[in-house]
N, C-alpha and C. Protein backbone atom coordinates (compact mmCIF):
# COMPACT_ATOMS: atom_id res chain seq x y z
N MET A 1 105.51 93.87 87.45
CA MET A 1 104.62 93.67 88.58
C MET A 1 105.39 93.71 89.90
N ARG A 2 106.60 93.07 89.91
CA ARG A 2 107.39 93.07 91.13
C ARG A 2 107.83 94.47 91.52
N LYS A 3 108.23 95.26 90.50
CA LYS A 3 108.68 96.63 90.78
C LYS A 3 107.55 97.48 91.31
N ARG A 4 106.35 97.27 90.77
CA ARG A 4 105.20 98.03 91.26
C ARG A 4 104.89 97.65 92.71
N ALA A 5 105.00 96.35 93.03
CA ALA A 5 104.77 95.90 94.40
C ALA A 5 105.83 96.47 95.34
N ALA A 6 107.09 96.51 94.86
CA ALA A 6 108.17 97.07 95.67
C ALA A 6 107.93 98.56 95.92
N ALA A 7 107.48 99.27 94.89
CA ALA A 7 107.19 100.70 95.04
C ALA A 7 106.08 100.91 96.07
N PHE A 8 105.06 100.05 96.02
CA PHE A 8 103.96 100.17 96.99
C PHE A 8 104.46 99.90 98.41
N ALA A 9 105.34 98.91 98.57
CA ALA A 9 105.89 98.61 99.89
C ALA A 9 106.68 99.79 100.44
N ILE A 10 107.46 100.45 99.58
CA ILE A 10 108.22 101.63 100.01
C ILE A 10 107.28 102.77 100.38
N PHE A 11 106.22 102.92 99.58
CA PHE A 11 105.21 103.95 99.86
C PHE A 11 104.61 103.74 101.25
N VAL A 12 104.22 102.53 101.55
CA VAL A 12 103.62 102.22 102.85
C VAL A 12 104.62 102.49 103.97
N LEU A 13 105.87 102.09 103.75
CA LEU A 13 106.91 102.30 104.76
C LEU A 13 107.13 103.79 105.04
N ILE A 14 107.18 104.59 103.97
CA ILE A 14 107.36 106.03 104.14
C ILE A 14 106.20 106.63 104.93
N ARG A 15 104.99 106.22 104.59
CA ARG A 15 103.82 106.74 105.31
C ARG A 15 103.86 106.36 106.78
N LEU A 16 104.23 105.11 107.05
CA LEU A 16 104.28 104.65 108.44
C LEU A 16 105.35 105.40 109.23
N VAL A 17 106.54 105.52 108.65
CA VAL A 17 107.60 106.26 109.33
C VAL A 17 107.20 107.72 109.50
N GLY A 18 106.59 108.29 108.46
CA GLY A 18 106.17 109.68 108.51
C GLY A 18 105.20 109.96 109.64
N MET A 19 104.32 109.01 109.93
CA MET A 19 103.35 109.20 111.00
C MET A 19 103.99 109.23 112.38
N THR A 20 105.20 108.69 112.50
CA THR A 20 105.87 108.66 113.81
C THR A 20 106.78 109.87 114.03
N LEU A 21 107.03 110.66 112.99
CA LEU A 21 107.99 111.76 113.11
C LEU A 21 107.46 112.87 114.00
N ARG A 22 108.37 113.49 114.73
CA ARG A 22 108.04 114.67 115.52
C ARG A 22 108.51 115.88 114.70
N VAL A 23 107.57 116.48 113.98
CA VAL A 23 107.91 117.51 113.00
C VAL A 23 107.85 118.90 113.63
N ARG A 24 108.88 119.68 113.34
CA ARG A 24 108.93 121.09 113.76
C ARG A 24 109.27 121.94 112.55
N ILE A 25 108.63 123.08 112.42
CA ILE A 25 108.88 123.97 111.29
C ILE A 25 109.71 125.16 111.77
N ASP A 26 110.86 125.36 111.18
CA ASP A 26 111.73 126.48 111.50
C ASP A 26 111.57 127.53 110.39
N ASP A 27 110.66 128.48 110.62
CA ASP A 27 110.32 129.48 109.61
C ASP A 27 110.05 130.81 110.29
N PRO A 28 111.08 131.40 110.92
CA PRO A 28 110.85 132.62 111.70
C PRO A 28 110.40 133.82 110.86
N SER A 29 110.69 133.81 109.56
CA SER A 29 110.30 134.93 108.70
C SER A 29 108.89 134.79 108.12
N GLY A 30 108.23 133.66 108.40
CA GLY A 30 106.87 133.46 107.91
C GLY A 30 106.79 133.22 106.41
N ILE A 31 107.81 132.56 105.86
CA ILE A 31 107.85 132.32 104.41
C ILE A 31 106.68 131.43 103.98
N LEU A 32 106.39 130.41 104.77
CA LEU A 32 105.29 129.51 104.40
C LEU A 32 103.94 130.23 104.41
N ASP A 33 103.75 131.13 105.36
CA ASP A 33 102.50 131.87 105.41
C ASP A 33 102.37 132.80 104.21
N ARG A 34 103.49 133.38 103.76
CA ARG A 34 103.45 134.34 102.67
C ARG A 34 103.43 133.68 101.29
N HIS A 35 104.08 132.53 101.16
CA HIS A 35 104.24 131.92 99.84
C HIS A 35 103.68 130.50 99.73
N GLY A 36 103.30 129.90 100.85
CA GLY A 36 102.92 128.49 100.85
C GLY A 36 101.73 128.15 99.98
N GLY A 37 100.86 129.12 99.72
CA GLY A 37 99.69 128.86 98.89
C GLY A 37 99.91 129.09 97.41
N GLU A 38 101.07 129.63 97.04
CA GLU A 38 101.36 129.89 95.63
C GLU A 38 101.67 128.59 94.88
N THR A 39 101.57 128.64 93.57
CA THR A 39 102.10 127.57 92.74
C THR A 39 103.61 127.75 92.71
N LEU A 40 104.35 126.69 93.04
CA LEU A 40 105.78 126.81 93.30
C LEU A 40 106.58 125.74 92.59
N ILE A 41 107.87 126.02 92.45
CA ILE A 41 108.86 125.00 92.09
C ILE A 41 109.60 124.66 93.39
N PHE A 42 109.45 123.43 93.85
CA PHE A 42 110.12 123.01 95.07
C PHE A 42 111.49 122.45 94.74
N CYS A 43 112.51 122.91 95.47
CA CYS A 43 113.86 122.40 95.28
C CYS A 43 114.38 121.84 96.60
N VAL A 44 114.84 120.61 96.57
CA VAL A 44 115.41 119.95 97.75
C VAL A 44 116.58 119.12 97.29
N TRP A 45 117.62 119.03 98.09
CA TRP A 45 118.78 118.23 97.71
C TRP A 45 118.41 116.76 97.55
N HIS A 46 119.13 116.08 96.67
CA HIS A 46 118.81 114.70 96.30
C HIS A 46 118.80 113.75 97.50
N ASN A 47 119.67 113.98 98.48
CA ASN A 47 119.74 113.03 99.60
C ASN A 47 118.58 113.16 100.58
N ARG A 48 117.68 114.10 100.33
CA ARG A 48 116.52 114.26 101.21
C ARG A 48 115.21 113.93 100.51
N LEU A 49 115.28 113.10 99.49
CA LEU A 49 114.07 112.72 98.76
C LEU A 49 113.11 111.86 99.58
N ALA A 50 113.64 111.12 100.53
CA ALA A 50 112.83 110.10 101.22
C ALA A 50 111.55 110.66 101.82
N LEU A 51 111.62 111.86 102.39
CA LEU A 51 110.45 112.40 103.08
C LEU A 51 109.74 113.51 102.32
N CYS A 52 110.21 113.81 101.11
CA CYS A 52 109.66 114.96 100.39
C CYS A 52 108.15 114.90 100.23
N MET A 53 107.64 113.77 99.78
CA MET A 53 106.21 113.68 99.51
C MET A 53 105.39 113.69 100.80
N GLU A 54 105.91 113.08 101.85
CA GLU A 54 105.20 113.09 103.12
C GLU A 54 105.10 114.53 103.65
N LEU A 55 106.17 115.29 103.53
CA LEU A 55 106.16 116.67 104.00
C LEU A 55 105.31 117.56 103.11
N TYR A 56 105.33 117.32 101.80
CA TYR A 56 104.47 118.06 100.88
C TYR A 56 103.00 117.82 101.24
N ARG A 57 102.67 116.57 101.53
CA ARG A 57 101.30 116.22 101.90
C ARG A 57 100.87 116.95 103.17
N ARG A 58 101.76 117.06 104.12
CA ARG A 58 101.43 117.68 105.40
C ARG A 58 101.39 119.21 105.33
N LEU A 59 102.40 119.79 104.67
CA LEU A 59 102.60 121.24 104.76
C LEU A 59 101.91 122.04 103.66
N PHE A 60 101.87 121.50 102.45
CA PHE A 60 101.48 122.32 101.31
C PHE A 60 100.11 121.98 100.74
N ILE A 61 99.75 120.70 100.70
CA ILE A 61 98.44 120.35 100.15
C ILE A 61 97.30 121.03 100.92
N PRO A 62 97.36 121.13 102.27
CA PRO A 62 96.27 121.81 102.97
C PRO A 62 96.17 123.31 102.68
N ARG A 63 97.20 123.91 102.09
CA ARG A 63 97.20 125.36 101.87
C ARG A 63 96.48 125.77 100.59
N ARG A 64 96.18 124.80 99.73
CA ARG A 64 95.44 125.14 98.50
C ARG A 64 94.64 123.92 98.05
N ARG A 65 93.35 124.10 97.91
CA ARG A 65 92.47 122.99 97.56
C ARG A 65 92.82 122.43 96.19
N GLY A 66 92.85 121.10 96.07
CA GLY A 66 93.10 120.44 94.80
C GLY A 66 94.54 120.48 94.34
N ARG A 67 95.44 120.78 95.25
CA ARG A 67 96.85 120.94 94.88
C ARG A 67 97.45 119.60 94.45
N GLN A 68 98.32 119.66 93.42
CA GLN A 68 98.99 118.46 92.93
C GLN A 68 100.40 118.82 92.48
N LEU A 69 101.25 117.82 92.41
CA LEU A 69 102.67 118.03 92.13
C LEU A 69 103.10 117.25 90.90
N ALA A 70 103.97 117.88 90.10
CA ALA A 70 104.66 117.19 89.00
C ALA A 70 106.15 117.28 89.29
N ALA A 71 106.88 116.19 89.10
CA ALA A 71 108.29 116.16 89.46
C ALA A 71 109.13 115.61 88.33
N MET A 72 110.35 116.15 88.21
CA MET A 72 111.31 115.61 87.27
C MET A 72 111.97 114.39 87.89
N VAL A 73 111.96 113.29 87.14
CA VAL A 73 112.53 112.02 87.61
C VAL A 73 113.51 111.53 86.56
N SER A 74 114.63 111.03 86.99
CA SER A 74 115.67 110.54 86.09
C SER A 74 115.11 109.51 85.12
N ALA A 75 115.64 109.51 83.90
CA ALA A 75 115.23 108.53 82.88
C ALA A 75 115.94 107.20 83.05
N SER A 76 116.70 107.02 84.13
CA SER A 76 117.44 105.78 84.38
C SER A 76 116.51 104.70 84.96
N LYS A 77 117.08 103.49 85.19
CA LYS A 77 116.31 102.41 85.80
C LYS A 77 115.89 102.77 87.23
N ASP A 78 116.79 103.43 87.97
CA ASP A 78 116.43 103.87 89.32
C ASP A 78 115.28 104.87 89.25
N GLY A 79 115.30 105.72 88.22
CA GLY A 79 114.23 106.68 88.05
C GLY A 79 112.89 106.01 87.78
N ALA A 80 112.91 104.86 87.11
CA ALA A 80 111.67 104.13 86.84
C ALA A 80 111.01 103.70 88.15
N MET A 81 111.82 103.24 89.10
CA MET A 81 111.29 102.86 90.41
C MET A 81 110.73 104.09 91.14
N MET A 82 111.46 105.21 91.06
CA MET A 82 110.99 106.43 91.70
C MET A 82 109.66 106.89 91.09
N ALA A 83 109.54 106.79 89.76
CA ALA A 83 108.29 107.19 89.10
C ALA A 83 107.12 106.34 89.60
N ARG A 84 107.35 105.04 89.76
CA ARG A 84 106.28 104.16 90.28
C ARG A 84 105.91 104.55 91.70
N LEU A 85 106.93 104.87 92.50
CA LEU A 85 106.67 105.29 93.88
C LEU A 85 105.86 106.58 93.91
N LEU A 86 106.24 107.53 93.08
CA LEU A 86 105.52 108.80 93.06
C LEU A 86 104.07 108.65 92.62
N GLU A 87 103.80 107.64 91.79
CA GLU A 87 102.41 107.37 91.39
C GLU A 87 101.53 107.15 92.62
N TRP A 88 102.07 106.42 93.61
CA TRP A 88 101.29 106.13 94.81
C TRP A 88 100.99 107.41 95.60
N PHE A 89 101.84 108.41 95.45
CA PHE A 89 101.61 109.69 96.12
C PHE A 89 100.79 110.65 95.25
N GLY A 90 100.38 110.20 94.06
CA GLY A 90 99.59 111.05 93.19
C GLY A 90 100.39 112.10 92.44
N VAL A 91 101.69 111.84 92.25
CA VAL A 91 102.56 112.80 91.59
C VAL A 91 102.71 112.45 90.11
N VAL A 92 102.68 113.46 89.26
CA VAL A 92 102.92 113.30 87.83
C VAL A 92 104.43 113.33 87.60
N SER A 93 104.97 112.34 86.90
CA SER A 93 106.42 112.27 86.66
C SER A 93 106.76 112.73 85.25
N ALA A 94 107.80 113.56 85.15
CA ALA A 94 108.38 113.94 83.87
C ALA A 94 109.77 113.31 83.84
N ARG A 95 109.97 112.32 82.98
CA ARG A 95 111.21 111.55 82.97
C ARG A 95 112.29 112.27 82.18
N GLY A 96 113.39 112.61 82.85
CA GLY A 96 114.50 113.25 82.16
C GLY A 96 115.52 113.79 83.13
N SER A 97 116.70 114.16 82.62
CA SER A 97 117.77 114.74 83.42
C SER A 97 118.65 115.56 82.49
N SER A 98 119.76 116.08 83.05
CA SER A 98 120.66 116.89 82.24
C SER A 98 121.31 116.10 81.12
N SER A 99 121.40 114.76 81.29
CA SER A 99 122.09 113.94 80.30
C SER A 99 121.15 113.16 79.38
N ARG A 100 119.87 113.12 79.72
CA ARG A 100 118.95 112.30 78.93
C ARG A 100 117.52 112.83 79.05
N ARG A 101 116.91 113.13 77.90
CA ARG A 101 115.53 113.59 77.81
C ARG A 101 115.28 114.88 78.60
N GLY A 102 116.32 115.65 78.86
CA GLY A 102 116.14 116.88 79.64
C GLY A 102 115.17 117.86 79.01
N PRO A 103 115.34 118.24 77.74
CA PRO A 103 114.42 119.21 77.12
C PRO A 103 112.97 118.73 77.10
N GLN A 104 112.77 117.44 76.81
CA GLN A 104 111.39 116.91 76.79
C GLN A 104 110.76 117.00 78.18
N ALA A 105 111.54 116.65 79.20
CA ALA A 105 111.01 116.70 80.57
C ALA A 105 110.66 118.14 80.96
N MET A 106 111.49 119.09 80.54
CA MET A 106 111.22 120.50 80.83
C MET A 106 109.90 120.94 80.20
N LEU A 107 109.66 120.52 78.96
CA LEU A 107 108.40 120.87 78.30
C LEU A 107 107.20 120.25 79.01
N GLU A 108 107.37 119.01 79.47
CA GLU A 108 106.29 118.35 80.21
C GLU A 108 105.99 119.10 81.51
N LEU A 109 107.05 119.54 82.20
CA LEU A 109 106.85 120.28 83.44
C LEU A 109 106.21 121.64 83.17
N LYS A 110 106.61 122.28 82.08
CA LYS A 110 105.99 123.56 81.72
C LYS A 110 104.50 123.39 81.49
N SER A 111 104.12 122.30 80.81
CA SER A 111 102.69 122.03 80.58
C SER A 111 101.97 121.79 81.90
N SER A 112 102.63 121.09 82.82
CA SER A 112 102.03 120.85 84.14
C SER A 112 101.84 122.16 84.89
N ALA A 113 102.83 123.05 84.81
CA ALA A 113 102.72 124.35 85.47
C ALA A 113 101.55 125.15 84.90
N GLU A 114 101.38 125.10 83.58
CA GLU A 114 100.27 125.82 82.93
C GLU A 114 98.92 125.26 83.37
N ALA A 115 98.91 123.99 83.79
CA ALA A 115 97.69 123.37 84.30
C ALA A 115 97.49 123.63 85.79
N GLY A 116 98.42 124.38 86.40
CA GLY A 116 98.27 124.75 87.81
C GLY A 116 98.95 123.85 88.80
N LEU A 117 99.77 122.91 88.33
CA LEU A 117 100.46 121.99 89.24
C LEU A 117 101.74 122.64 89.78
N ASP A 118 102.07 122.31 91.03
CA ASP A 118 103.39 122.62 91.56
C ASP A 118 104.41 121.74 90.84
N LEU A 119 105.67 122.19 90.85
CA LEU A 119 106.75 121.42 90.24
C LEU A 119 107.82 121.12 91.28
N ALA A 120 108.60 120.06 91.03
CA ALA A 120 109.67 119.73 91.96
C ALA A 120 110.84 119.09 91.22
N LEU A 121 112.04 119.39 91.69
CA LEU A 121 113.23 118.71 91.18
C LEU A 121 114.35 118.85 92.19
N THR A 122 115.34 117.97 92.05
CA THR A 122 116.53 118.00 92.90
C THR A 122 117.64 118.68 92.12
N PRO A 123 118.08 119.85 92.53
CA PRO A 123 119.04 120.61 91.72
C PRO A 123 120.42 119.98 91.62
N ASP A 124 120.75 119.04 92.52
CA ASP A 124 122.05 118.37 92.42
C ASP A 124 121.92 116.94 91.88
N GLY A 125 120.74 116.53 91.48
CA GLY A 125 120.55 115.17 90.98
C GLY A 125 120.64 115.11 89.47
N PRO A 126 120.71 113.88 88.92
CA PRO A 126 120.72 112.60 89.65
C PRO A 126 122.11 112.09 90.01
N ARG A 127 123.18 112.82 89.63
CA ARG A 127 124.52 112.28 89.85
C ARG A 127 125.48 113.23 90.56
N GLY A 128 125.01 114.38 90.99
CA GLY A 128 125.85 115.28 91.75
C GLY A 128 126.66 116.22 90.92
N PRO A 129 127.64 116.88 91.53
CA PRO A 129 128.12 116.67 92.90
C PRO A 129 127.13 117.12 93.96
N ARG A 130 127.26 116.52 95.13
CA ARG A 130 126.34 116.78 96.23
C ARG A 130 126.38 118.25 96.65
N TYR A 131 125.19 118.78 96.87
CA TYR A 131 125.00 120.15 97.37
C TYR A 131 125.54 121.21 96.40
N ARG A 132 125.58 120.89 95.13
CA ARG A 132 125.92 121.91 94.13
C ARG A 132 124.77 121.95 93.12
N ALA A 133 124.13 123.10 93.03
CA ALA A 133 122.98 123.24 92.14
C ALA A 133 123.42 123.27 90.69
N GLN A 134 122.72 122.52 89.85
CA GLN A 134 122.92 122.59 88.42
C GLN A 134 121.96 123.66 87.85
N THR A 135 121.87 123.72 86.56
CA THR A 135 121.13 124.82 85.93
C THR A 135 119.63 124.55 85.74
N GLY A 136 119.21 123.30 85.96
CA GLY A 136 117.83 122.93 85.62
C GLY A 136 116.75 123.71 86.33
N ALA A 137 116.90 123.92 87.64
CA ALA A 137 115.86 124.62 88.40
C ALA A 137 115.70 126.05 87.93
N VAL A 138 116.83 126.72 87.67
CA VAL A 138 116.78 128.10 87.21
C VAL A 138 116.14 128.18 85.82
N ALA A 139 116.48 127.24 84.94
CA ALA A 139 115.88 127.21 83.61
C ALA A 139 114.37 127.00 83.71
N LEU A 140 113.96 126.12 84.61
CA LEU A 140 112.54 125.86 84.80
C LEU A 140 111.83 127.10 85.34
N GLY A 141 112.49 127.80 86.27
CA GLY A 141 111.91 129.03 86.79
C GLY A 141 111.76 130.09 85.72
N GLN A 142 112.69 130.12 84.79
CA GLN A 142 112.63 131.11 83.72
C GLN A 142 111.51 130.81 82.73
N ILE A 143 111.36 129.56 82.33
CA ILE A 143 110.36 129.25 81.30
C ILE A 143 108.94 129.20 81.85
N THR A 144 108.79 128.99 83.17
CA THR A 144 107.45 128.93 83.76
C THR A 144 107.04 130.22 84.44
N GLY A 145 108.03 131.01 84.88
CA GLY A 145 107.72 132.21 85.65
C GLY A 145 107.38 131.93 87.10
N LEU A 146 107.52 130.68 87.55
CA LEU A 146 107.17 130.32 88.93
C LEU A 146 108.34 130.59 89.87
N PRO A 147 108.05 130.98 91.12
CA PRO A 147 109.11 131.13 92.11
C PRO A 147 109.66 129.77 92.54
N ILE A 148 110.96 129.73 92.81
CA ILE A 148 111.64 128.50 93.22
C ILE A 148 111.81 128.54 94.73
N LEU A 149 111.21 127.58 95.43
CA LEU A 149 111.26 127.56 96.90
C LEU A 149 112.29 126.56 97.39
N PRO A 150 113.38 127.02 98.02
CA PRO A 150 114.35 126.09 98.62
C PRO A 150 113.78 125.49 99.90
N VAL A 151 113.82 124.16 100.00
CA VAL A 151 113.30 123.44 101.17
C VAL A 151 114.33 122.41 101.62
N SER A 152 114.50 122.28 102.93
CA SER A 152 115.38 121.23 103.44
C SER A 152 114.84 120.77 104.79
N TYR A 153 115.39 119.70 105.28
CA TYR A 153 115.00 119.24 106.62
C TYR A 153 116.19 118.57 107.29
N GLU A 154 116.11 118.53 108.61
CA GLU A 154 117.17 117.93 109.43
C GLU A 154 116.55 116.83 110.29
N LEU A 155 117.16 115.65 110.24
CA LEU A 155 116.66 114.51 111.01
C LEU A 155 117.54 114.24 112.23
N GLY A 156 116.88 113.95 113.34
CA GLY A 156 117.64 113.59 114.53
C GLY A 156 118.22 112.19 114.43
N TRP A 157 117.40 111.26 113.94
CA TRP A 157 117.83 109.87 113.79
C TRP A 157 117.72 109.48 112.32
N LYS A 158 118.79 108.98 111.76
CA LYS A 158 118.78 108.61 110.35
C LYS A 158 119.93 107.68 110.04
N ILE A 159 119.83 107.03 108.88
CA ILE A 159 120.92 106.25 108.32
C ILE A 159 121.37 106.96 107.05
N CYS A 160 122.67 107.15 106.91
CA CYS A 160 123.23 107.78 105.70
C CYS A 160 123.92 106.69 104.86
N LEU A 161 123.45 106.53 103.65
CA LEU A 161 124.04 105.52 102.77
C LEU A 161 125.40 106.00 102.24
N ARG A 162 126.17 105.06 101.69
CA ARG A 162 127.48 105.41 101.14
C ARG A 162 127.40 105.71 99.65
N SER A 163 126.36 106.41 99.28
CA SER A 163 126.17 106.81 97.89
C SER A 163 126.79 108.19 97.68
N TRP A 164 126.81 108.66 96.42
CA TRP A 164 127.44 109.94 96.14
C TRP A 164 126.80 111.09 96.92
N ASP A 165 125.51 110.96 97.22
CA ASP A 165 124.81 112.04 97.90
C ASP A 165 124.65 111.81 99.40
N ARG A 166 125.15 110.66 99.90
CA ARG A 166 124.96 110.30 101.31
C ARG A 166 123.45 110.32 101.64
N PHE A 167 122.70 109.56 100.84
CA PHE A 167 121.24 109.53 100.94
C PHE A 167 120.80 109.23 102.37
N GLN A 168 119.82 110.00 102.84
CA GLN A 168 119.37 109.89 104.24
C GLN A 168 118.07 109.09 104.34
N ILE A 169 118.10 108.07 105.17
CA ILE A 169 116.92 107.25 105.45
C ILE A 169 116.44 107.59 106.86
N PRO A 170 115.23 108.13 106.99
CA PRO A 170 114.74 108.50 108.32
C PRO A 170 114.40 107.27 109.15
N LEU A 171 114.68 107.35 110.43
CA LEU A 171 114.31 106.29 111.36
C LEU A 171 113.03 106.69 112.11
N PRO A 172 112.22 105.70 112.49
CA PRO A 172 110.96 106.01 113.18
C PRO A 172 111.17 106.83 114.44
N PHE A 173 110.21 107.71 114.71
CA PHE A 173 110.16 108.53 115.92
C PHE A 173 111.28 109.57 115.99
N SER A 174 111.87 109.86 114.84
CA SER A 174 112.91 110.89 114.80
C SER A 174 112.31 112.28 114.90
N ASN A 175 113.10 113.23 115.40
CA ASN A 175 112.76 114.64 115.25
C ASN A 175 113.05 115.05 113.81
N CYS A 176 112.19 115.87 113.25
CA CYS A 176 112.38 116.34 111.87
C CYS A 176 112.10 117.85 111.84
N THR A 177 113.15 118.62 111.60
CA THR A 177 113.03 120.08 111.53
C THR A 177 113.03 120.51 110.07
N ILE A 178 111.95 121.15 109.64
CA ILE A 178 111.81 121.60 108.25
C ILE A 178 112.18 123.07 108.17
N ARG A 179 112.99 123.39 107.17
CA ARG A 179 113.40 124.78 106.96
C ARG A 179 113.15 125.19 105.51
N VAL A 180 112.78 126.43 105.33
CA VAL A 180 112.57 126.99 103.99
C VAL A 180 113.33 128.30 103.89
N GLU A 181 113.57 128.72 102.67
CA GLU A 181 114.22 130.01 102.41
C GLU A 181 113.33 130.83 101.47
N GLU A 182 113.62 132.13 101.39
CA GLU A 182 112.87 132.99 100.48
C GLU A 182 112.98 132.46 99.05
N PRO A 183 111.89 132.50 98.29
CA PRO A 183 111.92 131.99 96.92
C PRO A 183 112.92 132.74 96.04
N VAL A 184 113.43 132.01 95.07
CA VAL A 184 114.30 132.59 94.04
C VAL A 184 113.43 132.82 92.81
N ARG A 185 113.48 134.02 92.26
CA ARG A 185 112.66 134.36 91.09
C ARG A 185 113.57 134.67 89.91
N VAL A 186 113.25 134.10 88.77
CA VAL A 186 114.06 134.25 87.57
C VAL A 186 113.23 134.98 86.51
N ALA A 187 113.74 136.07 86.01
CA ALA A 187 113.03 136.85 84.98
C ALA A 187 112.94 136.06 83.68
N ARG A 188 111.85 136.24 82.97
CA ARG A 188 111.67 135.55 81.69
C ARG A 188 112.75 135.90 80.69
N ASP A 189 113.27 137.14 80.77
CA ASP A 189 114.28 137.58 79.82
C ASP A 189 115.70 137.53 80.41
N ALA A 190 115.90 136.69 81.44
CA ALA A 190 117.20 136.61 82.10
C ALA A 190 118.30 136.19 81.12
N THR A 191 119.43 136.86 81.21
CA THR A 191 120.58 136.51 80.38
C THR A 191 121.32 135.34 81.00
N GLU A 192 122.32 134.83 80.28
CA GLU A 192 123.12 133.73 80.81
C GLU A 192 123.80 134.14 82.11
N ALA A 193 124.31 135.36 82.18
CA ALA A 193 124.96 135.83 83.40
C ALA A 193 123.96 135.93 84.55
N ALA A 194 122.75 136.40 84.26
CA ALA A 194 121.72 136.51 85.30
C ALA A 194 121.29 135.13 85.79
N ARG A 195 121.19 134.16 84.87
CA ARG A 195 120.84 132.80 85.27
C ARG A 195 121.90 132.21 86.20
N GLU A 196 123.16 132.48 85.91
CA GLU A 196 124.23 131.98 86.77
C GLU A 196 124.14 132.61 88.16
N GLU A 197 123.80 133.87 88.23
CA GLU A 197 123.62 134.52 89.54
C GLU A 197 122.49 133.85 90.33
N LYS A 198 121.41 133.53 89.64
CA LYS A 198 120.29 132.87 90.30
C LYS A 198 120.64 131.44 90.71
N ARG A 199 121.43 130.76 89.90
CA ARG A 199 121.88 129.40 90.27
C ARG A 199 122.68 129.45 91.56
N VAL A 200 123.60 130.41 91.65
CA VAL A 200 124.42 130.55 92.86
C VAL A 200 123.53 130.94 94.05
N GLU A 201 122.57 131.81 93.82
CA GLU A 201 121.65 132.21 94.90
C GLU A 201 120.88 131.01 95.43
N LEU A 202 120.36 130.19 94.52
CA LEU A 202 119.62 129.00 94.93
C LEU A 202 120.51 128.05 95.73
N GLU A 203 121.70 127.81 95.23
CA GLU A 203 122.64 126.92 95.92
C GLU A 203 122.97 127.42 97.32
N GLU A 204 123.23 128.71 97.43
CA GLU A 204 123.56 129.28 98.73
C GLU A 204 122.39 129.20 99.71
N LYS A 205 121.19 129.46 99.21
CA LYS A 205 120.02 129.40 100.09
C LYS A 205 119.76 127.97 100.56
N LEU A 206 119.88 127.00 99.65
CA LEU A 206 119.68 125.61 100.05
C LEU A 206 120.73 125.17 101.07
N ASN A 207 121.96 125.55 100.85
CA ASN A 207 123.02 125.16 101.79
C ASN A 207 122.87 125.85 103.13
N ARG A 208 122.27 127.05 103.13
CA ARG A 208 122.07 127.78 104.39
C ARG A 208 121.08 127.06 105.29
N ILE A 209 120.11 126.36 104.70
CA ILE A 209 119.09 125.69 105.52
C ILE A 209 119.34 124.19 105.65
N THR A 210 120.48 123.72 105.13
CA THR A 210 120.79 122.29 105.17
C THR A 210 121.82 122.02 106.25
N ARG A 211 121.45 121.18 107.19
CA ARG A 211 122.35 120.83 108.29
C ARG A 211 122.37 119.31 108.43
N ASP A 212 123.55 118.76 108.28
CA ASP A 212 123.69 117.30 108.36
C ASP A 212 123.99 116.85 109.78
């Protein structure tokens, strides 16, 4: 009960801070106009989780009626808190990571994609190294056939924790610049070498739009 109350308090805090942000979209190529209405796999670095759901609510839900998100969440104790928080945002959680319940979580996400839900995961989570993509997003793109959309944002005012990912906590009334890159697409019959090329492509695109 306490953890659920804590998750609700964090949810309220995120919404309140989100309402004060001065949001700007940096998308000169019109990627959001061309792809924003598609069913997508959203990829964002782990240290930018704080505002992900607020930005998804603002930018993507209005682009397709009835849109909903399913996200991979770590099977750890910290992941349990994140899953409770995501419930308040209406997100379906698939519990797993590269070290625990990974295959089961992938199957759950595949089922969600077949039901028309967007998917989301942090390619460098849950333990890093920071800003290095692991193989999960590319594998998910291959088994679902969905395009992988790299998304990042830059905050004017923030607190960076001393965690492995330098987790960013947005401060009220900050400027927030959102950036996206062209989607990464993985063929269903991609070989191991092709998957590695796509992993590097995703990592490079995410790092190109990430500014600390």
